[in-house]
């Protein structure tokens, strides 16, 4: 999961976290 930049790997990228949460 992490090698696809999913799951807990996303915690390394707060800006991407923001985009995902806003989109959903």
PDBML (XML) file of the C-alpha atoms, coordinates in Angstrom:
<?xml version="1.0" encoding="UTF-8" ?>
<PDBx:datablock datablockName="MODEL"
   xmlns:PDBx="http://pdbml.pdb.org/schema/pdbx-v50.xsd"
   xmlns:xsi="http://www.w3.org/2001/XMLSchema-instance"
   xsi:schemaLocation="http://pdbml.pdb.org/schema/pdbx-v50.xsd pdbx-v50.xsd">
   <PDBx:atom_siteCategory>
      <PDBx:atom_site id="1">
         <PDBx:B_iso_or_equiv>0.00</PDBx:B_iso_or_equiv>
         <PDBx:Cartn_x>0.000</PDBx:Cartn_x>
         <PDBx:Cartn_y>0.000</PDBx:Cartn_y>
         <PDBx:Cartn_z>0.000</PDBx:Cartn_z>
         <PDBx:auth_asym_id>A</PDBx:auth_asym_id>
         <PDBx:auth_atom_id>CA</PDBx:auth_atom_id>
         <PDBx:auth_comp_id>UNK</PDBx:auth_comp_id>
         <PDBx:auth_seq_id>1</PDBx:auth_seq_id>
         <PDBx:group_PDB>ATOM</PDBx:group_PDB>
         <PDBx:label_alt_id xsi:nil="true" />
         <PDBx:label_asym_id>A</PDBx:label_asym_id>
         <PDBx:label_atom_id>CA</PDBx:label_atom_id>
         <PDBx:label_comp_id>UNK</PDBx:label_comp_id>
         <PDBx:label_entity_id>1</PDBx:label_entity_id>
         <PDBx:label_seq_id>1</PDBx:label_seq_id>
         <PDBx:occupancy>1.00</PDBx:occupancy>
         <PDBx:pdbx_PDB_model_num>1</PDBx:pdbx_PDB_model_num>
         <PDBx:type_symbol>C</PDBx:type_symbol>
      </PDBx:atom_site>
      <PDBx:atom_site id="2">
         <PDBx:B_iso_or_equiv>0.00</PDBx:B_iso_or_equiv>
         <PDBx:Cartn_x>2.768</PDBx:Cartn_x>
         <PDBx:Cartn_y>2.421</PDBx:Cartn_y>
         <PDBx:Cartn_z>0.984</PDBx:Cartn_z>
         <PDBx:auth_asym_id>A</PDBx:auth_asym_id>
         <PDBx:auth_atom_id>CA</PDBx:auth_atom_id>
         <PDBx:auth_comp_id>UNK</PDBx:auth_comp_id>
         <PDBx:auth_seq_id>2</PDBx:auth_seq_id>
         <PDBx:group_PDB>ATOM</PDBx:group_PDB>
         <PDBx:label_alt_id xsi:nil="true" />
         <PDBx:label_asym_id>A</PDBx:label_asym_id>
         <PDBx:label_atom_id>CA</PDBx:label_atom_id>
         <PDBx:label_comp_id>UNK</PDBx:label_comp_id>
         <PDBx:label_entity_id>1</PDBx:label_entity_id>
         <PDBx:label_seq_id>2</PDBx:label_seq_id>
         <PDBx:occupancy>1.00</PDBx:occupancy>
         <PDBx:pdbx_PDB_model_num>1</PDBx:pdbx_PDB_model_num>
         <PDBx:type_symbol>C</PDBx:type_symbol>
      </PDBx:atom_site>
      <PDBx:atom_site id="3">
         <PDBx:B_iso_or_equiv>0.00</PDBx:B_iso_or_equiv>
         <PDBx:Cartn_x>4.764</PDBx:Cartn_x>
         <PDBx:Cartn_y>1.918</PDBx:Cartn_y>
         <PDBx:Cartn_z>-2.215</PDBx:Cartn_z>
         <PDBx:auth_asym_id>A</PDBx:auth_asym_id>
         <PDBx:auth_atom_id>CA</PDBx:auth_atom_id>
         <PDBx:auth_comp_id>UNK</PDBx:auth_comp_id>
         <PDBx:auth_seq_id>3</PDBx:auth_seq_id>
         <PDBx:group_PDB>ATOM</PDBx:group_PDB>
         <PDBx:label_alt_id xsi:nil="true" />
         <PDBx:label_asym_id>A</PDBx:label_asym_id>
         <PDBx:label_atom_id>CA</PDBx:label_atom_id>
         <PDBx:label_comp_id>UNK</PDBx:label_comp_id>
         <PDBx:label_entity_id>1</PDBx:label_entity_id>
         <PDBx:label_seq_id>3</PDBx:label_seq_id>
         <PDBx:occupancy>1.00</PDBx:occupancy>
         <PDBx:pdbx_PDB_model_num>1</PDBx:pdbx_PDB_model_num>
         <PDBx:type_symbol>C</PDBx:type_symbol>
      </PDBx:atom_site>
      <PDBx:atom_site id="4">
         <PDBx:B_iso_or_equiv>0.00</PDBx:B_iso_or_equiv>
         <PDBx:Cartn_x>1.771</PDBx:Cartn_x>
         <PDBx:Cartn_y>3.369</PDBx:Cartn_y>
         <PDBx:Cartn_z>-4.071</PDBx:Cartn_z>
         <PDBx:auth_asym_id>A</PDBx:auth_asym_id>
         <PDBx:auth_atom_id>CA</PDBx:auth_atom_id>
         <PDBx:auth_comp_id>UNK</PDBx:auth_comp_id>
         <PDBx:auth_seq_id>4</PDBx:auth_seq_id>
         <PDBx:group_PDB>ATOM</PDBx:group_PDB>
         <PDBx:label_alt_id xsi:nil="true" />
         <PDBx:label_asym_id>A</PDBx:label_asym_id>
         <PDBx:label_atom_id>CA</PDBx:label_atom_id>
         <PDBx:label_comp_id>UNK</PDBx:label_comp_id>
         <PDBx:label_entity_id>1</PDBx:label_entity_id>
         <PDBx:label_seq_id>4</PDBx:label_seq_id>
         <PDBx:occupancy>1.00</PDBx:occupancy>
         <PDBx:pdbx_PDB_model_num>1</PDBx:pdbx_PDB_model_num>
         <PDBx:type_symbol>C</PDBx:type_symbol>
      </PDBx:atom_site>
      <PDBx:atom_site id="5">
         <PDBx:B_iso_or_equiv>0.00</PDBx:B_iso_or_equiv>
         <PDBx:Cartn_x>1.983</PDBx:Cartn_x>
         <PDBx:Cartn_y>6.405</PDBx:Cartn_y>
         <PDBx:Cartn_z>-1.769</PDBx:Cartn_z>
         <PDBx:auth_asym_id>A</PDBx:auth_asym_id>
         <PDBx:auth_atom_id>CA</PDBx:auth_atom_id>
         <PDBx:auth_comp_id>UNK</PDBx:auth_comp_id>
         <PDBx:auth_seq_id>5</PDBx:auth_seq_id>
         <PDBx:group_PDB>ATOM</PDBx:group_PDB>
         <PDBx:label_alt_id xsi:nil="true" />
         <PDBx:label_asym_id>A</PDBx:label_asym_id>
         <PDBx:label_atom_id>CA</PDBx:label_atom_id>
         <PDBx:label_comp_id>UNK</PDBx:label_comp_id>
         <PDBx:label_entity_id>1</PDBx:label_entity_id>
         <PDBx:label_seq_id>5</PDBx:label_seq_id>
         <PDBx:occupancy>1.00</PDBx:occupancy>
         <PDBx:pdbx_PDB_model_num>1</PDBx:pdbx_PDB_model_num>
         <PDBx:type_symbol>C</PDBx:type_symbol>
      </PDBx:atom_site>
      <PDBx:atom_site id="6">
         <PDBx:B_iso_or_equiv>0.00</PDBx:B_iso_or_equiv>
         <PDBx:Cartn_x>-1.233</PDBx:Cartn_x>
         <PDBx:Cartn_y>5.351</PDBx:Cartn_y>
         <PDBx:Cartn_z>-0.047</PDBx:Cartn_z>
         <PDBx:auth_asym_id>A</PDBx:auth_asym_id>
         <PDBx:auth_atom_id>CA</PDBx:auth_atom_id>
         <PDBx:auth_comp_id>UNK</PDBx:auth_comp_id>
         <PDBx:auth_seq_id>6</PDBx:auth_seq_id>
         <PDBx:group_PDB>ATOM</PDBx:group_PDB>
         <PDBx:label_alt_id xsi:nil="true" />
         <PDBx:label_asym_id>A</PDBx:label_asym_id>
         <PDBx:label_atom_id>CA</PDBx:label_atom_id>
         <PDBx:label_comp_id>UNK</PDBx:label_comp_id>
         <PDBx:label_entity_id>1</PDBx:label_entity_id>
         <PDBx:label_seq_id>6</PDBx:label_seq_id>
         <PDBx:occupancy>1.00</PDBx:occupancy>
         <PDBx:pdbx_PDB_model_num>1</PDBx:pdbx_PDB_model_num>
         <PDBx:type_symbol>C</PDBx:type_symbol>
      </PDBx:atom_site>
      <PDBx:atom_site id="7">
         <PDBx:B_iso_or_equiv>0.00</PDBx:B_iso_or_equiv>
         <PDBx:Cartn_x>-2.027</PDBx:Cartn_x>
         <PDBx:Cartn_y>4.486</PDBx:Cartn_y>
         <PDBx:Cartn_z>3.559</PDBx:Cartn_z>
         <PDBx:auth_asym_id>A</PDBx:auth_asym_id>
         <PDBx:auth_atom_id>CA</PDBx:auth_atom_id>
         <PDBx:auth_comp_id>UNK</PDBx:auth_comp_id>
         <PDBx:auth_seq_id>7</PDBx:auth_seq_id>
         <PDBx:group_PDB>ATOM</PDBx:group_PDB>
         <PDBx:label_alt_id xsi:nil="true" />
         <PDBx:label_asym_id>A</PDBx:label_asym_id>
         <PDBx:label_atom_id>CA</PDBx:label_atom_id>
         <PDBx:label_comp_id>UNK</PDBx:label_comp_id>
         <PDBx:label_entity_id>1</PDBx:label_entity_id>
         <PDBx:label_seq_id>7</PDBx:label_seq_id>
         <PDBx:occupancy>1.00</PDBx:occupancy>
         <PDBx:pdbx_PDB_model_num>1</PDBx:pdbx_PDB_model_num>
         <PDBx:type_symbol>C</PDBx:type_symbol>
      </PDBx:atom_site>
      <PDBx:atom_site id="8">
         <PDBx:B_iso_or_equiv>0.00</PDBx:B_iso_or_equiv>
         <PDBx:Cartn_x>0.398</PDBx:Cartn_x>
         <PDBx:Cartn_y>5.839</PDBx:Cartn_y>
         <PDBx:Cartn_z>6.158</PDBx:Cartn_z>
         <PDBx:auth_asym_id>A</PDBx:auth_asym_id>
         <PDBx:auth_atom_id>CA</PDBx:auth_atom_id>
         <PDBx:auth_comp_id>UNK</PDBx:auth_comp_id>
         <PDBx:auth_seq_id>8</PDBx:auth_seq_id>
         <PDBx:group_PDB>ATOM</PDBx:group_PDB>
         <PDBx:label_alt_id xsi:nil="true" />
         <PDBx:label_asym_id>A</PDBx:label_asym_id>
         <PDBx:label_atom_id>CA</PDBx:label_atom_id>
         <PDBx:label_comp_id>UNK</PDBx:label_comp_id>
         <PDBx:label_entity_id>1</PDBx:label_entity_id>
         <PDBx:label_seq_id>8</PDBx:label_seq_id>
         <PDBx:occupancy>1.00</PDBx:occupancy>
         <PDBx:pdbx_PDB_model_num>1</PDBx:pdbx_PDB_model_num>
         <PDBx:type_symbol>C</PDBx:type_symbol>
      </PDBx:atom_site>
      <PDBx:atom_site id="9">
         <PDBx:B_iso_or_equiv>0.00</PDBx:B_iso_or_equiv>
         <PDBx:Cartn_x>2.880</PDBx:Cartn_x>
         <PDBx:Cartn_y>6.941</PDBx:Cartn_y>
         <PDBx:Cartn_z>3.462</PDBx:Cartn_z>
         <PDBx:auth_asym_id>A</PDBx:auth_asym_id>
         <PDBx:auth_atom_id>CA</PDBx:auth_atom_id>
         <PDBx:auth_comp_id>UNK</PDBx:auth_comp_id>
         <PDBx:auth_seq_id>9</PDBx:auth_seq_id>
         <PDBx:group_PDB>ATOM</PDBx:group_PDB>
         <PDBx:label_alt_id xsi:nil="true" />
         <PDBx:label_asym_id>A</PDBx:label_asym_id>
         <PDBx:label_atom_id>CA</PDBx:label_atom_id>
         <PDBx:label_comp_id>UNK</PDBx:label_comp_id>
         <PDBx:label_entity_id>1</PDBx:label_entity_id>
         <PDBx:label_seq_id>9</PDBx:label_seq_id>
         <PDBx:occupancy>1.00</PDBx:occupancy>
         <PDBx:pdbx_PDB_model_num>1</PDBx:pdbx_PDB_model_num>
         <PDBx:type_symbol>C</PDBx:type_symbol>
      </PDBx:atom_site>
      <PDBx:atom_site id="10">
         <PDBx:B_iso_or_equiv>0.00</PDBx:B_iso_or_equiv>
         <PDBx:Cartn_x>0.650</PDBx:Cartn_x>
         <PDBx:Cartn_y>9.966</PDBx:Cartn_y>
         <PDBx:Cartn_z>2.900</PDBx:Cartn_z>
         <PDBx:auth_asym_id>A</PDBx:auth_asym_id>
         <PDBx:auth_atom_id>CA</PDBx:auth_atom_id>
         <PDBx:auth_comp_id>UNK</PDBx:auth_comp_id>
         <PDBx:auth_seq_id>10</PDBx:auth_seq_id>
         <PDBx:group_PDB>ATOM</PDBx:group_PDB>
         <PDBx:label_alt_id xsi:nil="true" />
         <PDBx:label_asym_id>A</PDBx:label_asym_id>
         <PDBx:label_atom_id>CA</PDBx:label_atom_id>
         <PDBx:label_comp_id>UNK</PDBx:label_comp_id>
         <PDBx:label_entity_id>1</PDBx:label_entity_id>
         <PDBx:label_seq_id>10</PDBx:label_seq_id>
         <PDBx:occupancy>1.00</PDBx:occupancy>
         <PDBx:pdbx_PDB_model_num>1</PDBx:pdbx_PDB_model_num>
         <PDBx:type_symbol>C</PDBx:type_symbol>
      </PDBx:atom_site>
      <PDBx:atom_site id="11">
         <PDBx:B_iso_or_equiv>0.00</PDBx:B_iso_or_equiv>
         <PDBx:Cartn_x>1.497</PDBx:Cartn_x>
         <PDBx:Cartn_y>11.322</PDBx:Cartn_y>
         <PDBx:Cartn_z>6.355</PDBx:Cartn_z>
         <PDBx:auth_asym_id>A</PDBx:auth_asym_id>
         <PDBx:auth_atom_id>CA</PDBx:auth_atom_id>
         <PDBx:auth_comp_id>UNK</PDBx:auth_comp_id>
         <PDBx:auth_seq_id>11</PDBx:auth_seq_id>
         <PDBx:group_PDB>ATOM</PDBx:group_PDB>
         <PDBx:label_alt_id xsi:nil="true" />
         <PDBx:label_asym_id>A</PDBx:label_asym_id>
         <PDBx:label_atom_id>CA</PDBx:label_atom_id>
         <PDBx:label_comp_id>UNK</PDBx:label_comp_id>
         <PDBx:label_entity_id>1</PDBx:label_entity_id>
         <PDBx:label_seq_id>11</PDBx:label_seq_id>
         <PDBx:occupancy>1.00</PDBx:occupancy>
         <PDBx:pdbx_PDB_model_num>1</PDBx:pdbx_PDB_model_num>
         <PDBx:type_symbol>C</PDBx:type_symbol>
      </PDBx:atom_site>
      <PDBx:atom_site id="12">
         <PDBx:B_iso_or_equiv>0.00</PDBx:B_iso_or_equiv>
         <PDBx:Cartn_x>4.823</PDBx:Cartn_x>
         <PDBx:Cartn_y>12.461</PDBx:Cartn_y>
         <PDBx:Cartn_z>4.887</PDBx:Cartn_z>
         <PDBx:auth_asym_id>A</PDBx:auth_asym_id>
         <PDBx:auth_atom_id>CA</PDBx:auth_atom_id>
         <PDBx:auth_comp_id>UNK</PDBx:auth_comp_id>
         <PDBx:auth_seq_id>12</PDBx:auth_seq_id>
         <PDBx:group_PDB>ATOM</PDBx:group_PDB>
         <PDBx:label_alt_id xsi:nil="true" />
         <PDBx:label_asym_id>A</PDBx:label_asym_id>
         <PDBx:label_atom_id>CA</PDBx:label_atom_id>
         <PDBx:label_comp_id>UNK</PDBx:label_comp_id>
         <PDBx:label_entity_id>1</PDBx:label_entity_id>
         <PDBx:label_seq_id>12</PDBx:label_seq_id>
         <PDBx:occupancy>1.00</PDBx:occupancy>
         <PDBx:pdbx_PDB_model_num>1</PDBx:pdbx_PDB_model_num>
         <PDBx:type_symbol>C</PDBx:type_symbol>
      </PDBx:atom_site>
      <PDBx:atom_site id="13">
         <PDBx:B_iso_or_equiv>0.00</PDBx:B_iso_or_equiv>
         <PDBx:Cartn_x>3.020</PDBx:Cartn_x>
         <PDBx:Cartn_y>14.902</PDBx:Cartn_y>
         <PDBx:Cartn_z>2.579</PDBx:Cartn_z>
         <PDBx:auth_asym_id>A</PDBx:auth_asym_id>
         <PDBx:auth_atom_id>CA</PDBx:auth_atom_id>
         <PDBx:auth_comp_id>UNK</PDBx:auth_comp_id>
         <PDBx:auth_seq_id>13</PDBx:auth_seq_id>
         <PDBx:group_PDB>ATOM</PDBx:group_PDB>
         <PDBx:label_alt_id xsi:nil="true" />
         <PDBx:label_asym_id>A</PDBx:label_asym_id>
         <PDBx:label_atom_id>CA</PDBx:label_atom_id>
         <PDBx:label_comp_id>UNK</PDBx:label_comp_id>
         <PDBx:label_entity_id>1</PDBx:label_entity_id>
         <PDBx:label_seq_id>13</PDBx:label_seq_id>
         <PDBx:occupancy>1.00</PDBx:occupancy>
         <PDBx:pdbx_PDB_model_num>1</PDBx:pdbx_PDB_model_num>
         <PDBx:type_symbol>C</PDBx:type_symbol>
      </PDBx:atom_site>
      <PDBx:atom_site id="14">
         <PDBx:B_iso_or_equiv>0.00</PDBx:B_iso_or_equiv>
         <PDBx:Cartn_x>0.604</PDBx:Cartn_x>
         <PDBx:Cartn_y>17.219</PDBx:Cartn_y>
         <PDBx:Cartn_z>4.432</PDBx:Cartn_z>
         <PDBx:auth_asym_id>A</PDBx:auth_asym_id>
         <PDBx:auth_atom_id>CA</PDBx:auth_atom_id>
         <PDBx:auth_comp_id>UNK</PDBx:auth_comp_id>
         <PDBx:auth_seq_id>14</PDBx:auth_seq_id>
         <PDBx:group_PDB>ATOM</PDBx:group_PDB>
         <PDBx:label_alt_id xsi:nil="true" />
         <PDBx:label_asym_id>A</PDBx:label_asym_id>
         <PDBx:label_atom_id>CA</PDBx:label_atom_id>
         <PDBx:label_comp_id>UNK</PDBx:label_comp_id>
         <PDBx:label_entity_id>1</PDBx:label_entity_id>
         <PDBx:label_seq_id>14</PDBx:label_seq_id>
         <PDBx:occupancy>1.00</PDBx:occupancy>
         <PDBx:pdbx_PDB_model_num>1</PDBx:pdbx_PDB_model_num>
         <PDBx:type_symbol>C</PDBx:type_symbol>
      </PDBx:atom_site>
      <PDBx:atom_site id="15">
         <PDBx:B_iso_or_equiv>0.00</PDBx:B_iso_or_equiv>
         <PDBx:Cartn_x>-0.135</PDBx:Cartn_x>
         <PDBx:Cartn_y>19.242</PDBx:Cartn_y>
         <PDBx:Cartn_z>1.272</PDBx:Cartn_z>
         <PDBx:auth_asym_id>A</PDBx:auth_asym_id>
         <PDBx:auth_atom_id>CA</PDBx:auth_atom_id>
         <PDBx:auth_comp_id>UNK</PDBx:auth_comp_id>
         <PDBx:auth_seq_id>15</PDBx:auth_seq_id>
         <PDBx:group_PDB>ATOM</PDBx:group_PDB>
         <PDBx:label_alt_id xsi:nil="true" />
         <PDBx:label_asym_id>A</PDBx:label_asym_id>
         <PDBx:label_atom_id>CA</PDBx:label_atom_id>
         <PDBx:label_comp_id>UNK</PDBx:label_comp_id>
         <PDBx:label_entity_id>1</PDBx:label_entity_id>
         <PDBx:label_seq_id>15</PDBx:label_seq_id>
         <PDBx:occupancy>1.00</PDBx:occupancy>
         <PDBx:pdbx_PDB_model_num>1</PDBx:pdbx_PDB_model_num>
         <PDBx:type_symbol>C</PDBx:type_symbol>
      </PDBx:atom_site>
      <PDBx:atom_site id="16">
         <PDBx:B_iso_or_equiv>0.00</PDBx:B_iso_or_equiv>
         <PDBx:Cartn_x>-1.284</PDBx:Cartn_x>
         <PDBx:Cartn_y>16.105</PDBx:Cartn_y>
         <PDBx:Cartn_z>-0.545</PDBx:Cartn_z>
         <PDBx:auth_asym_id>A</PDBx:auth_asym_id>
         <PDBx:auth_atom_id>CA</PDBx:auth_atom_id>
         <PDBx:auth_comp_id>UNK</PDBx:auth_comp_id>
         <PDBx:auth_seq_id>16</PDBx:auth_seq_id>
         <PDBx:group_PDB>ATOM</PDBx:group_PDB>
         <PDBx:label_alt_id xsi:nil="true" />
         <PDBx:label_asym_id>A</PDBx:label_asym_id>
         <PDBx:label_atom_id>CA</PDBx:label_atom_id>
         <PDBx:label_comp_id>UNK</PDBx:label_comp_id>
         <PDBx:label_entity_id>1</PDBx:label_entity_id>
         <PDBx:label_seq_id>16</PDBx:label_seq_id>
         <PDBx:occupancy>1.00</PDBx:occupancy>
         <PDBx:pdbx_PDB_model_num>1</PDBx:pdbx_PDB_model_num>
         <PDBx:type_symbol>C</PDBx:type_symbol>
      </PDBx:atom_site>
      <PDBx:atom_site id="17">
         <PDBx:B_iso_or_equiv>0.00</PDBx:B_iso_or_equiv>
         <PDBx:Cartn_x>-3.288</PDBx:Cartn_x>
         <PDBx:Cartn_y>15.067</PDBx:Cartn_y>
         <PDBx:Cartn_z>2.523</PDBx:Cartn_z>
         <PDBx:auth_asym_id>A</PDBx:auth_asym_id>
         <PDBx:auth_atom_id>CA</PDBx:auth_atom_id>
         <PDBx:auth_comp_id>UNK</PDBx:auth_comp_id>
         <PDBx:auth_seq_id>17</PDBx:auth_seq_id>
         <PDBx:group_PDB>ATOM</PDBx:group_PDB>
         <PDBx:label_alt_id xsi:nil="true" />
         <PDBx:label_asym_id>A</PDBx:label_asym_id>
         <PDBx:label_atom_id>CA</PDBx:label_atom_id>
         <PDBx:label_comp_id>UNK</PDBx:label_comp_id>
         <PDBx:label_entity_id>1</PDBx:label_entity_id>
         <PDBx:label_seq_id>17</PDBx:label_seq_id>
         <PDBx:occupancy>1.00</PDBx:occupancy>
         <PDBx:pdbx_PDB_model_num>1</PDBx:pdbx_PDB_model_num>
         <PDBx:type_symbol>C</PDBx:type_symbol>
      </PDBx:atom_site>
      <PDBx:atom_site id="18">
         <PDBx:B_iso_or_equiv>0.00</PDBx:B_iso_or_equiv>
         <PDBx:Cartn_x>-5.095</PDBx:Cartn_x>
         <PDBx:Cartn_y>18.401</PDBx:Cartn_y>
         <PDBx:Cartn_z>2.321</PDBx:Cartn_z>
         <PDBx:auth_asym_id>A</PDBx:auth_asym_id>
         <PDBx:auth_atom_id>CA</PDBx:auth_atom_id>
         <PDBx:auth_comp_id>UNK</PDBx:auth_comp_id>
         <PDBx:auth_seq_id>18</PDBx:auth_seq_id>
         <PDBx:group_PDB>ATOM</PDBx:group_PDB>
         <PDBx:label_alt_id xsi:nil="true" />
         <PDBx:label_asym_id>A</PDBx:label_asym_id>
         <PDBx:label_atom_id>CA</PDBx:label_atom_id>
         <PDBx:label_comp_id>UNK</PDBx:label_comp_id>
         <PDBx:label_entity_id>1</PDBx:label_entity_id>
         <PDBx:label_seq_id>18</PDBx:label_seq_id>
         <PDBx:occupancy>1.00</PDBx:occupancy>
         <PDBx:pdbx_PDB_model_num>1</PDBx:pdbx_PDB_model_num>
         <PDBx:type_symbol>C</PDBx:type_symbol>
      </PDBx:atom_site>
      <PDBx:atom_site id="19">
         <PDBx:B_iso_or_equiv>0.00</PDBx:B_iso_or_equiv>
         <PDBx:Cartn_x>-5.924</PDBx:Cartn_x>
         <PDBx:Cartn_y>17.961</PDBx:Cartn_y>
         <PDBx:Cartn_z>-1.373</PDBx:Cartn_z>
         <PDBx:auth_asym_id>A</PDBx:auth_asym_id>
         <PDBx:auth_atom_id>CA</PDBx:auth_atom_id>
         <PDBx:auth_comp_id>UNK</PDBx:auth_comp_id>
         <PDBx:auth_seq_id>19</PDBx:auth_seq_id>
         <PDBx:group_PDB>ATOM</PDBx:group_PDB>
         <PDBx:label_alt_id xsi:nil="true" />
         <PDBx:label_asym_id>A</PDBx:label_asym_id>
         <PDBx:label_atom_id>CA</PDBx:label_atom_id>
         <PDBx:label_comp_id>UNK</PDBx:label_comp_id>
         <PDBx:label_entity_id>1</PDBx:label_entity_id>
         <PDBx:label_seq_id>19</PDBx:label_seq_id>
         <PDBx:occupancy>1.00</PDBx:occupancy>
         <PDBx:pdbx_PDB_model_num>1</PDBx:pdbx_PDB_model_num>
         <PDBx:type_symbol>C</PDBx:type_symbol>
      </PDBx:atom_site>
      <PDBx:atom_site id="20">
         <PDBx:B_iso_or_equiv>0.00</PDBx:B_iso_or_equiv>
         <PDBx:Cartn_x>-7.233</PDBx:Cartn_x>
         <PDBx:Cartn_y>14.431</PDBx:Cartn_y>
         <PDBx:Cartn_z>-0.857</PDBx:Cartn_z>
         <PDBx:auth_asym_id>A</PDBx:auth_asym_id>
         <PDBx:auth_atom_id>CA</PDBx:auth_atom_id>
         <PDBx:auth_comp_id>UNK</PDBx:auth_comp_id>
         <PDBx:auth_seq_id>20</PDBx:auth_seq_id>
         <PDBx:group_PDB>ATOM</PDBx:group_PDB>
         <PDBx:label_alt_id xsi:nil="true" />
         <PDBx:label_asym_id>A</PDBx:label_asym_id>
         <PDBx:label_atom_id>CA</PDBx:label_atom_id>
         <PDBx:label_comp_id>UNK</PDBx:label_comp_id>
         <PDBx:label_entity_id>1</PDBx:label_entity_id>
         <PDBx:label_seq_id>20</PDBx:label_seq_id>
         <PDBx:occupancy>1.00</PDBx:occupancy>
         <PDBx:pdbx_PDB_model_num>1</PDBx:pdbx_PDB_model_num>
         <PDBx:type_symbol>C</PDBx:type_symbol>
      </PDBx:atom_site>
      <PDBx:atom_site id="21">
         <PDBx:B_iso_or_equiv>0.00</PDBx:B_iso_or_equiv>
         <PDBx:Cartn_x>-9.392</PDBx:Cartn_x>
         <PDBx:Cartn_y>15.329</PDBx:Cartn_y>
         <PDBx:Cartn_z>2.120</PDBx:Cartn_z>
         <PDBx:auth_asym_id>A</PDBx:auth_asym_id>
         <PDBx:auth_atom_id>CA</PDBx:auth_atom_id>
         <PDBx:auth_comp_id>UNK</PDBx:auth_comp_id>
         <PDBx:auth_seq_id>21</PDBx:auth_seq_id>
         <PDBx:group_PDB>ATOM</PDBx:group_PDB>
         <PDBx:label_alt_id xsi:nil="true" />
         <PDBx:label_asym_id>A</PDBx:label_asym_id>
         <PDBx:label_atom_id>CA</PDBx:label_atom_id>
         <PDBx:label_comp_id>UNK</PDBx:label_comp_id>
         <PDBx:label_entity_id>1</PDBx:label_entity_id>
         <PDBx:label_seq_id>21</PDBx:label_seq_id>
         <PDBx:occupancy>1.00</PDBx:occupancy>
         <PDBx:pdbx_PDB_model_num>1</PDBx:pdbx_PDB_model_num>
         <PDBx:type_symbol>C</PDBx:type_symbol>
      </PDBx:atom_site>
      <PDBx:atom_site id="22">
         <PDBx:B_iso_or_equiv>0.00</PDBx:B_iso_or_equiv>
         <PDBx:Cartn_x>-10.859</PDBx:Cartn_x>
         <PDBx:Cartn_y>18.402</PDBx:Cartn_y>
         <PDBx:Cartn_z>0.422</PDBx:Cartn_z>
         <PDBx:auth_asym_id>A</PDBx:auth_asym_id>
         <PDBx:auth_atom_id>CA</PDBx:auth_atom_id>
         <PDBx:auth_comp_id>UNK</PDBx:auth_comp_id>
         <PDBx:auth_seq_id>22</PDBx:auth_seq_id>
         <PDBx:group_PDB>ATOM</PDBx:group_PDB>
         <PDBx:label_alt_id xsi:nil="true" />
         <PDBx:label_asym_id>A</PDBx:label_asym_id>
         <PDBx:label_atom_id>CA</PDBx:label_atom_id>
         <PDBx:label_comp_id>UNK</PDBx:label_comp_id>
         <PDBx:label_entity_id>1</PDBx:label_entity_id>
         <PDBx:label_seq_id>22</PDBx:label_seq_id>
         <PDBx:occupancy>1.00</PDBx:occupancy>
         <PDBx:pdbx_PDB_model_num>1</PDBx:pdbx_PDB_model_num>
         <PDBx:type_symbol>C</PDBx:type_symbol>
      </PDBx:atom_site>
      <PDBx:atom_site id="23">
         <PDBx:B_iso_or_equiv>0.00</PDBx:B_iso_or_equiv>
         <PDBx:Cartn_x>-11.594</PDBx:Cartn_x>
         <PDBx:Cartn_y>16.435</PDBx:Cartn_y>
         <PDBx:Cartn_z>-2.760</PDBx:Cartn_z>
         <PDBx:auth_asym_id>A</PDBx:auth_asym_id>
         <PDBx:auth_atom_id>CA</PDBx:auth_atom_id>
         <PDBx:auth_comp_id>UNK</PDBx:auth_comp_id>
         <PDBx:auth_seq_id>23</PDBx:auth_seq_id>
         <PDBx:group_PDB>ATOM</PDBx:group_PDB>
         <PDBx:label_alt_id xsi:nil="true" />
         <PDBx:label_asym_id>A</PDBx:label_asym_id>
         <PDBx:label_atom_id>CA</PDBx:label_atom_id>
         <PDBx:label_comp_id>UNK</PDBx:label_comp_id>
         <PDBx:label_entity_id>1</PDBx:label_entity_id>
         <PDBx:label_seq_id>23</PDBx:label_seq_id>
         <PDBx:occupancy>1.00</PDBx:occupancy>
         <PDBx:pdbx_PDB_model_num>1</PDBx:pdbx_PDB_model_num>
         <PDBx:type_symbol>C</PDBx:type_symbol>
      </PDBx:atom_site>
      <PDBx:atom_site id="24">
         <PDBx:B_iso_or_equiv>0.00</PDBx:B_iso_or_equiv>
         <PDBx:Cartn_x>-13.383</PDBx:Cartn_x>
         <PDBx:Cartn_y>13.613</PDBx:Cartn_y>
         <PDBx:Cartn_z>-0.986</PDBx:Cartn_z>
         <PDBx:auth_asym_id>A</PDBx:auth_asym_id>
         <PDBx:auth_atom_id>CA</PDBx:auth_atom_id>
         <PDBx:auth_comp_id>UNK</PDBx:auth_comp_id>
         <PDBx:auth_seq_id>24</PDBx:auth_seq_id>
         <PDBx:group_PDB>ATOM</PDBx:group_PDB>
         <PDBx:label_alt_id xsi:nil="true" />
         <PDBx:label_asym_id>A</PDBx:label_asym_id>
         <PDBx:label_atom_id>CA</PDBx:label_atom_id>
         <PDBx:label_comp_id>UNK</PDBx:label_comp_id>
         <PDBx:label_entity_id>1</PDBx:label_entity_id>
         <PDBx:label_seq_id>24</PDBx:label_seq_id>
         <PDBx:occupancy>1.00</PDBx:occupancy>
         <PDBx:pdbx_PDB_model_num>1</PDBx:pdbx_PDB_model_num>
         <PDBx:type_symbol>C</PDBx:type_symbol>
      </PDBx:atom_site>
   </PDBx:atom_siteCategory>
</PDBx:datablock>
